[in-house]
Structure formats: C-alpha cells, structure tokens
Amino acid sequence: MENTPGPSRPGSKRAYDGSRRRASAQERHRRIVESGARLFVEYGFGATSINQIAADADVSPQTVYAAFGSKAAVLARAVDVAVAGDYDDVPMADRPQPWFDAEPTEVFGIAASLSLESNTRVGPLLRVVESAASTDPALEELRLRLIRALRSDCAGWLRRLPPGLLRADIDVDEAADAIAWFAGASTYMTFVADMGWSPQRYERWLADSYRRLLG
C-alpha cells in the first residue's frame, strides 16, 4: 500500500505546472523590460511603440499590455531594474550595504563606486524619462518619484553612517538634498556623456565631493 500512488500526486503536478508557468511569465517579463530599455535608449520614448517592444521581445502586443498596461509602465519598470541592478522587488534601503563593515576612511570611496555602478545603468534611461516627461504626465510623475526616492535614500544613508564620520555641524536634510544632486544619474550623464569625463574621473570627483561636504 505504501507504493500506491496517493492523492498528493495530482496536486504535485499542479504545483509543478504552476511553477513552470510562473517561470515562463517571469522570462517574458524580463524580455519585455530588456527590449523596452534598449529600444527607448536607441530610438527615444515617442518613437518606440508597444508593437516594436513586443516584436523585439518575441511576445504579442497583448502580452505587453497585459503585463504592464502602458509604454510608460515598461519604461518605469526598466528604470527600477536599472536602479537595483536586478529584478528582486526589495527596496534599496533594505538591501545589504557594502560599506556597513568598511573602515571609516573607505566609506565615501565605496559610496562613490556604488553610485557609478548604478548611474552607468540608470543614466541613459533617465535621459529618456526627462526628455519625454514634459509631454507625458506618467513620465513626469516617474521623474518626480525618482528624485524623491533618491533624496530619501541619501537621507537614510547619512543617518546610518558610522558615528563620528559626519561633521558635527552637518544638517542631514540639507546634505541629503546636495547628495541627491551630485550623486544622481543626471549629474553623472552631464559629466560623462556630455562633458567627456571618464567614469573613473567621475568616481574620484564624487568620492572627493562626499569627503568635502560631509567629512
């Protein structure tokens, strides 16, 4: 009797089928996001259609609409993935931070390196958002959300820095505003894409700016 197939087998098959369907849906989701990001950067937001994204991702336009609802939502998801560097829906503030266990003298250099890494991914997409925000309310809302999220992350970072690392007279809220500007993707794109700075020069400048402002 122990070897007789029991009632759990059909349930296990359903669980397997469900897992396979979820994995397939996640794969389609990634292809849509990656195709959208590439096409938006290459051709611009207005010149890229849902049909083009669908064709590049090898899905139907209906699949794109069902998963995202709009072209702006595809761009928003692409930006979120670029900020995080992955598809995990974990807020940046809740992720492990490499500088937690670092020596105080290394913290600002690590922060600059992380900003460079993120801005390299986000910068081109942010340009797309900024260029289309004036004509698309959804993208203007996204632009403002990104600014506020960056500012909030900067304030949280400052408050979690090791004791004694910040100047005694520092105003955390004002410093967070400043950091959100000079460590943001827009400033990175101005220096690297427009002014021709190398990424390494930008990283050195950013680390030095942290030290001058905060240390």
C-alpha atoms as a PDB file:
ATOM      1  CA  MET A   1       0.000   0.000   0.000  1.00  0.00           C
ATOM      2  CA  GLU A   2       2.907   2.354   0.658  1.00  0.00           C
ATOM      3  CA  ASN A   3       3.831   2.312  -3.029  1.00  0.00           C
ATOM      4  CA  THR A   4       0.312   3.023  -4.215  1.00  0.00           C
ATOM      5  CA  PRO A   5       0.050   6.480  -5.820  1.00  0.00           C
ATOM      6  CA  GLY A   6      -1.758   8.729  -3.400  1.00  0.00           C
ATOM      7  CA  PRO A   7      -3.860  11.835  -3.852  1.00  0.00           C
ATOM      8  CA  SER A   8      -0.819  14.116  -3.492  1.00  0.00           C
ATOM      9  CA  ARG A   9       0.431  13.296  -6.990  1.00  0.00           C
ATOM     10  CA  PRO A  10      -2.099  15.385  -8.948  1.00  0.00           C
ATOM     11  CA  GLY A  11      -1.501  18.266  -6.559  1.00  0.00           C
ATOM     12  CA  SER A  12       2.244  17.984  -7.066  1.00  0.00           C
ATOM     13  CA  LYS A  13       1.756  18.081 -10.832  1.00  0.00           C
ATOM     14  CA  ARG A  14      -0.361  21.207 -10.499  1.00  0.00           C
ATOM     15  CA  ALA A  15       2.321  22.800  -8.317  1.00  0.00           C
ATOM     16  CA  TYR A  16       4.952  21.897 -10.899  1.00  0.00           C
ATOM     17  CA  ASP A  17       2.845  23.250 -13.746  1.00  0.00           C
ATOM     18  CA  GLY A  18       2.219  26.417 -11.758  1.00  0.00           C
ATOM     19  CA  SER A  19       5.932  26.911 -11.120  1.00  0.00           C
ATOM     20  CA  ARG A  20       6.689  26.380 -14.786  1.00  0.00           C
ATOM     21  CA  ARG A  21       4.054  28.913 -15.813  1.00  0.00           C
ATOM     22  CA  ARG A  22       5.425  31.452 -13.331  1.00  0.00           C
ATOM     23  CA  ALA A  23       8.946  30.937 -14.603  1.00  0.00           C
ATOM     24  CA  SER A  24       7.744  31.381 -18.184  1.00  0.00           C
ATOM     25  CA  ALA A  25       5.873  34.564 -17.254  1.00  0.00           C
ATOM     26  CA  GLN A  26       8.952  35.931 -15.471  1.00  0.00           C
ATOM     27  CA  GLU A  27      11.086  35.218 -18.511  1.00  0.00           C
ATOM     28  CA  ARG A  28       8.634  37.054 -20.777  1.00  0.00           C
ATOM     29  CA  HIS A  29       8.596  39.924 -18.294  1.00  0.00           C
ATOM     30  CA  ARG A  30      12.375  40.223 -18.433  1.00  0.00           C
ATOM     31  CA  ARG A  31      12.462  40.089 -22.213  1.00  0.00           C
ATOM     32  CA  ILE A  32       9.893  42.879 -22.436  1.00  0.00           C
ATOM     33  CA  VAL A  33      11.793  45.054 -19.957  1.00  0.00           C
ATOM     34  CA  GLU A  34      15.149  44.477 -21.648  1.00  0.00           C
ATOM     35  CA  SER A  35      13.733  45.074 -25.110  1.00  0.00           C
ATOM     36  CA  GLY A  36      11.936  48.212 -23.982  1.00  0.00           C
ATOM     37  CA  ALA A  37      15.034  49.599 -22.290  1.00  0.00           C
ATOM     38  CA  ARG A  38      17.186  49.003 -25.338  1.00  0.00           C
ATOM     39  CA  LEU A  39      14.682  50.496 -27.792  1.00  0.00           C
ATOM     40  CA  PHE A  40      13.888  53.523 -25.617  1.00  0.00           C
ATOM     41  CA  VAL A  41      17.577  54.406 -25.334  1.00  0.00           C
ATOM     42  CA  GLU A  42      18.252  53.832 -29.017  1.00  0.00           C
ATOM     43  CA  TYR A  43      15.175  55.477 -30.549  1.00  0.00           C
ATOM     44  CA  GLY A  44      13.573  57.541 -27.789  1.00  0.00           C
ATOM     45  CA  PHE A  45      10.290  57.124 -25.953  1.00  0.00           C
ATOM     46  CA  GLY A  46       7.995  58.665 -28.544  1.00  0.00           C
ATOM     47  CA  ALA A  47       9.483  56.755 -31.469  1.00  0.00           C
ATOM     48  CA  THR A  48       9.212  53.383 -29.735  1.00  0.00           C
ATOM     49  CA  SER A  49       5.876  51.574 -29.898  1.00  0.00           C
ATOM     50  CA  ILE A  50       4.383  48.706 -27.952  1.00  0.00           C
ATOM     51  CA  ASN A  51       4.400  46.708 -31.190  1.00  0.00           C
ATOM     52  CA  GLN A  52       8.147  47.244 -31.568  1.00  0.00           C
ATOM     53  CA  ILE A  53       8.806  46.206 -27.978  1.00  0.00           C
ATOM     54  CA  ALA A  54       6.652  43.111 -28.432  1.00  0.00           C
ATOM     55  CA  ALA A  55       8.397  42.114 -31.650  1.00  0.00           C
ATOM     56  CA  ASP A  56      11.846  42.580 -30.130  1.00  0.00           C
ATOM     57  CA  ALA A  57      10.845  40.564 -27.047  1.00  0.00           C
ATOM     58  CA  ASP A  58       9.189  37.851 -29.166  1.00  0.00           C
ATOM     59  CA  VAL A  59       5.799  38.262 -27.498  1.00  0.00           C
ATOM     60  CA  SER A  60       2.455  39.610 -28.654  1.00  0.00           C
ATOM     61  CA  PRO A  61       1.451  43.251 -28.086  1.00  0.00           C
ATOM     62  CA  GLN A  62      -1.418  41.921 -25.983  1.00  0.00           C
ATOM     63  CA  THR A  63       1.118  40.266 -23.674  1.00  0.00           C
ATOM     64  CA  VAL A  64       2.896  43.588 -23.160  1.00  0.00           C
ATOM     65  CA  TYR A  65      -0.376  45.369 -22.403  1.00  0.00           C
ATOM     66  CA  ALA A  66      -1.494  42.593 -20.049  1.00  0.00           C
ATOM     67  CA  ALA A  67       1.789  42.663 -18.123  1.00  0.00           C
ATOM     68  CA  PHE A  68       2.361  46.431 -17.972  1.00  0.00           C
ATOM     69  CA  GLY A  69      -0.682  48.304 -19.210  1.00  0.00           C
ATOM     70  CA  SER A  70       1.238  51.058 -20.974  1.00  0.00           C
ATOM     71  CA  LYS A  71       4.518  52.001 -22.623  1.00  0.00           C
ATOM     72  CA  ALA A  72       5.325  54.341 -19.724  1.00  0.00           C
ATOM     73  CA  ALA A  73       4.979  51.431 -17.298  1.00  0.00           C
ATOM     74  CA  VAL A  74       7.523  49.429 -19.297  1.00  0.00           C
ATOM     75  CA  LEU A  75       9.967  52.334 -19.003  1.00  0.00           C
ATOM     76  CA  ALA A  76       9.249  52.719 -15.291  1.00  0.00           C
ATOM     77  CA  ARG A  77       9.985  49.046 -14.692  1.00  0.00           C
ATOM     78  CA  ALA A  78      13.171  49.277 -16.754  1.00  0.00           C
ATOM     79  CA  VAL A  79      14.325  52.186 -14.596  1.00  0.00           C
ATOM     80  CA  ASP A  80      13.533  50.308 -11.374  1.00  0.00           C
ATOM     81  CA  VAL A  81      15.534  47.304 -12.585  1.00  0.00           C
ATOM     82  CA  ALA A  82      18.429  49.560 -13.585  1.00  0.00           C
ATOM     83  CA  VAL A  83      18.460  51.251 -10.169  1.00  0.00           C
ATOM     84  CA  ALA A  84      18.505  47.930  -8.316  1.00  0.00           C
ATOM     85  CA  GLY A  85      20.617  46.001 -10.794  1.00  0.00           C
ATOM     86  CA  ASP A  86      18.249  43.031 -10.631  1.00  0.00           C
ATOM     87  CA  TYR A  87      14.579  42.026 -10.729  1.00  0.00           C
ATOM     88  CA  ASP A  88      14.156  41.454  -6.989  1.00  0.00           C
ATOM     89  CA  ASP A  89      11.418  43.643  -5.533  1.00  0.00           C
ATOM     90  CA  VAL A  90      13.463  44.609  -2.477  1.00  0.00           C
ATOM     91  CA  PRO A  91      13.708  48.334  -1.583  1.00  0.00           C
ATOM     92  CA  MET A  92      17.232  49.716  -1.799  1.00  0.00           C
ATOM     93  CA  ALA A  93      17.116  50.701   1.887  1.00  0.00           C
ATOM     94  CA  ASP A  94      16.510  47.057   2.840  1.00  0.00           C
ATOM     95  CA  ARG A  95      19.414  45.652   0.835  1.00  0.00           C
ATOM     96  CA  PRO A  96      22.820  44.817   2.347  1.00  0.00           C
ATOM     97  CA  GLN A  97      25.241  47.724   2.030  1.00  0.00           C
ATOM     98  CA  PRO A  98      28.955  47.004   1.387  1.00  0.00           C
ATOM     99  CA  TRP A  99      30.072  49.963   3.474  1.00  0.00           C
ATOM    100  CA  PHE A 100      28.472  48.721   6.724  1.00  0.00           C
ATOM    101  CA  ASP A 101      31.621  46.822   7.739  1.00  0.00           C
ATOM    102  CA  ALA A 102      34.128  49.053   5.968  1.00  0.00           C
ATOM    103  CA  GLU A 103      36.771  51.206   7.604  1.00  0.00           C
ATOM    104  CA  PRO A 104      35.588  54.823   8.052  1.00  0.00           C
ATOM    105  CA  THR A 105      38.242  56.057   5.624  1.00  0.00           C
ATOM    106  CA  GLU A 106      36.813  53.766   2.917  1.00  0.00           C
ATOM    107  CA  VAL A 107      33.121  54.613   3.233  1.00  0.00           C
ATOM    108  CA  PHE A 108      32.991  57.545   0.831  1.00  0.00           C
ATOM    109  CA  GLY A 109      35.034  55.726  -1.803  1.00  0.00           C
ATOM    110  CA  ILE A 110      32.689  52.742  -1.608  1.00  0.00           C
ATOM    111  CA  ALA A 111      29.660  55.039  -1.875  1.00  0.00           C
ATOM    112  CA  ALA A 112      31.141  56.696  -4.969  1.00  0.00           C
ATOM    113  CA  SER A 113      31.824  53.315  -6.558  1.00  0.00           C
ATOM    114  CA  LEU A 114      28.237  52.175  -5.928  1.00  0.00           C
ATOM    115  CA  SER A 115      26.868  55.424  -7.368  1.00  0.00           C
ATOM    116  CA  LEU A 116      28.974  55.000 -10.503  1.00  0.00           C
ATOM    117  CA  GLU A 117      27.783  51.419 -10.933  1.00  0.00           C
ATOM    118  CA  SER A 118      24.128  52.405 -10.572  1.00  0.00           C
ATOM    119  CA  ASN A 119      24.332  55.571 -12.665  1.00  0.00           C
ATOM    120  CA  THR A 120      26.000  53.719 -15.523  1.00  0.00           C
ATOM    121  CA  ARG A 121      22.847  51.590 -15.754  1.00  0.00           C
ATOM    122  CA  VAL A 122      20.274  54.266 -14.954  1.00  0.00           C
ATOM    123  CA  GLY A 123      21.701  57.330 -16.711  1.00  0.00           C
ATOM    124  CA  PRO A 124      20.661  56.580 -20.316  1.00  0.00           C
ATOM    125  CA  LEU A 125      17.151  55.587 -19.227  1.00  0.00           C
ATOM    126  CA  LEU A 126      16.799  58.683 -17.072  1.00  0.00           C
ATOM    127  CA  ARG A 127      17.608  60.772 -20.127  1.00  0.00           C
ATOM    128  CA  VAL A 128      14.650  59.102 -21.860  1.00  0.00           C
ATOM    129  CA  VAL A 129      12.374  59.894 -18.908  1.00  0.00           C
ATOM    130  CA  GLU A 130      13.493  63.521 -18.751  1.00  0.00           C
ATOM    131  CA  SER A 131      13.146  64.093 -22.490  1.00  0.00           C
ATOM    132  CA  ALA A 132       9.568  62.803 -22.575  1.00  0.00           C
ATOM    133  CA  ALA A 133       8.309  63.972 -19.164  1.00  0.00           C
ATOM    134  CA  SER A 134       7.041  67.317 -20.446  1.00  0.00           C
ATOM    135  CA  THR A 135       4.614  65.617 -22.816  1.00  0.00           C
ATOM    136  CA  ASP A 136       3.644  62.543 -20.801  1.00  0.00           C
ATOM    137  CA  PRO A 137       2.138  63.002 -17.302  1.00  0.00           C
ATOM    138  CA  ALA A 138       3.021  59.426 -16.339  1.00  0.00           C
ATOM    139  CA  LEU A 139       6.686  60.072 -17.062  1.00  0.00           C
ATOM    140  CA  GLU A 140       6.641  63.394 -15.220  1.00  0.00           C
ATOM    141  CA  GLU A 141       5.249  61.520 -12.219  1.00  0.00           C
ATOM    142  CA  LEU A 142       8.010  58.931 -12.637  1.00  0.00           C
ATOM    143  CA  ARG A 143      10.665  61.668 -12.846  1.00  0.00           C
ATOM    144  CA  LEU A 144       9.480  63.221  -9.587  1.00  0.00           C
ATOM    145  CA  ARG A 145       9.225  59.808  -7.907  1.00  0.00           C
ATOM    146  CA  LEU A 146      12.822  59.030  -8.812  1.00  0.00           C
ATOM    147  CA  ILE A 147      14.052  62.356  -7.416  1.00  0.00           C
ATOM    148  CA  ARG A 148      12.172  61.860  -4.152  1.00  0.00           C
ATOM    149  CA  ALA A 149      13.285  58.249  -3.815  1.00  0.00           C
ATOM    150  CA  LEU A 150      16.921  59.209  -4.370  1.00  0.00           C
ATOM    151  CA  ARG A 151      16.687  62.006  -1.836  1.00  0.00           C
ATOM    152  CA  SER A 152      15.089  59.654   0.698  1.00  0.00           C
ATOM    153  CA  ASP A 153      17.791  57.029   0.113  1.00  0.00           C
ATOM    154  CA  CYS A 154      20.500  59.677   0.591  1.00  0.00           C
ATOM    155  CA  ALA A 155      18.985  60.811   3.895  1.00  0.00           C
ATOM    156  CA  GLY A 156      18.736  57.201   5.076  1.00  0.00           C
ATOM    157  CA  TRP A 157      22.366  56.580   4.113  1.00  0.00           C
ATOM    158  CA  LEU A 158      23.548  59.628   6.054  1.00  0.00           C
ATOM    159  CA  ARG A 159      21.674  58.565   9.165  1.00  0.00           C
ATOM    160  CA  ARG A 160      23.228  55.079   9.032  1.00  0.00           C
ATOM    161  CA  LEU A 161      26.824  56.230   8.648  1.00  0.00           C
ATOM    162  CA  PRO A 162      29.234  55.251  11.444  1.00  0.00           C
ATOM    163  CA  PRO A 163      29.279  57.671  14.398  1.00  0.00           C
ATOM    164  CA  GLY A 164      31.849  60.419  14.074  1.00  0.00           C
ATOM    165  CA  LEU A 165      32.120  60.197  10.297  1.00  0.00           C
ATOM    166  CA  LEU A 166      29.972  63.274   9.647  1.00  0.00           C
ATOM    167  CA  ARG A 167      30.944  66.800  10.583  1.00  0.00           C
ATOM    168  CA  ALA A 168      29.335  67.887  13.837  1.00  0.00           C
ATOM    169  CA  ASP A 169      27.653  70.859  12.173  1.00  0.00           C
ATOM    170  CA  ILE A 170      26.122  68.894   9.295  1.00  0.00           C
ATOM    171  CA  ASP A 171      22.424  69.323   8.551  1.00  0.00           C
ATOM    172  CA  VAL A 172      21.357  65.876   7.390  1.00  0.00           C
ATOM    173  CA  ASP A 173      18.337  67.065   5.403  1.00  0.00           C
ATOM    174  CA  GLU A 174      20.323  69.736   3.583  1.00  0.00           C
ATOM    175  CA  ALA A 175      23.190  67.331   2.946  1.00  0.00           C
ATOM    176  CA  ALA A 176      20.738  64.765   1.531  1.00  0.00           C
ATOM    177  CA  ASP A 177      19.473  67.383  -0.936  1.00  0.00           C
ATOM    178  CA  ALA A 178      23.036  68.114  -2.067  1.00  0.00           C
ATOM    179  CA  ILE A 179      23.988  64.449  -2.396  1.00  0.00           C
ATOM    180  CA  ALA A 180      20.838  63.688  -4.373  1.00  0.00           C
ATOM    181  CA  TRP A 181      22.065  66.253  -6.890  1.00  0.00           C
ATOM    182  CA  PHE A 182      25.754  65.455  -7.255  1.00  0.00           C
ATOM    183  CA  ALA A 183      25.425  61.674  -6.875  1.00  0.00           C
ATOM    184  CA  GLY A 184      22.381  61.409  -9.143  1.00  0.00           C
ATOM    185  CA  ALA A 185      22.271  59.950 -12.634  1.00  0.00           C
ATOM    186  CA  SER A 186      21.563  63.337 -14.242  1.00  0.00           C
ATOM    187  CA  THR A 187      24.856  64.774 -12.967  1.00  0.00           C
ATOM    188  CA  TYR A 188      26.667  61.601 -13.998  1.00  0.00           C
ATOM    189  CA  MET A 189      25.303  61.919 -17.539  1.00  0.00           C
ATOM    190  CA  THR A 190      26.253  65.595 -17.713  1.00  0.00           C
ATOM    191  CA  PHE A 191      29.840  64.886 -16.746  1.00  0.00           C
ATOM    192  CA  VAL A 192      30.406  61.587 -18.561  1.00  0.00           C
ATOM    193  CA  ALA A 193      28.114  61.725 -21.603  1.00  0.00           C
ATOM    194  CA  ASP A 194      28.142  65.472 -22.263  1.00  0.00           C
ATOM    195  CA  MET A 195      31.487  66.731 -20.946  1.00  0.00           C
ATOM    196  CA  GLY A 196      33.511  63.662 -21.807  1.00  0.00           C
ATOM    197  CA  TRP A 197      34.696  62.723 -18.321  1.00  0.00           C
ATOM    198  CA  SER A 198      35.860  59.157 -17.897  1.00  0.00           C
ATOM    199  CA  PRO A 199      33.854  57.072 -15.413  1.00  0.00           C
ATOM    200  CA  GLN A 200      36.976  56.847 -13.250  1.00  0.00           C
ATOM    201  CA  ARG A 201      37.336  60.629 -13.122  1.00  0.00           C
ATOM    202  CA  TYR A 202      33.677  60.961 -12.148  1.00  0.00           C
ATOM    203  CA  GLU A 203      34.120  58.358  -9.391  1.00  0.00           C
ATOM    204  CA  ARG A 204      37.149  60.195  -7.961  1.00  0.00           C
ATOM    205  CA  TRP A 205      35.305  63.513  -8.091  1.00  0.00           C
ATOM    206  CA  LEU A 206      32.275  62.018  -6.373  1.00  0.00           C
ATOM    207  CA  ALA A 207      34.311  60.437  -3.554  1.00  0.00           C
ATOM    208  CA  ASP A 208      36.102  63.749  -3.015  1.00  0.00           C
ATOM    209  CA  SER A 209      32.779  65.614  -3.018  1.00  0.00           C
ATOM    210  CA  TYR A 210      31.460  63.306  -0.307  1.00  0.00           C
ATOM    211  CA  ARG A 211      34.539  63.972   1.812  1.00  0.00           C
ATOM    212  CA  ARG A 212      34.436  67.746   1.329  1.00  0.00           C
ATOM    213  CA  LEU A 213      30.737  68.020   2.087  1.00  0.00           C
ATOM    214  CA  LEU A 214      30.428  65.503   4.905  1.00  0.00           C
ATOM    215  CA  GLY A 215      33.803  64.775   6.453  1.00  0.00           C
END
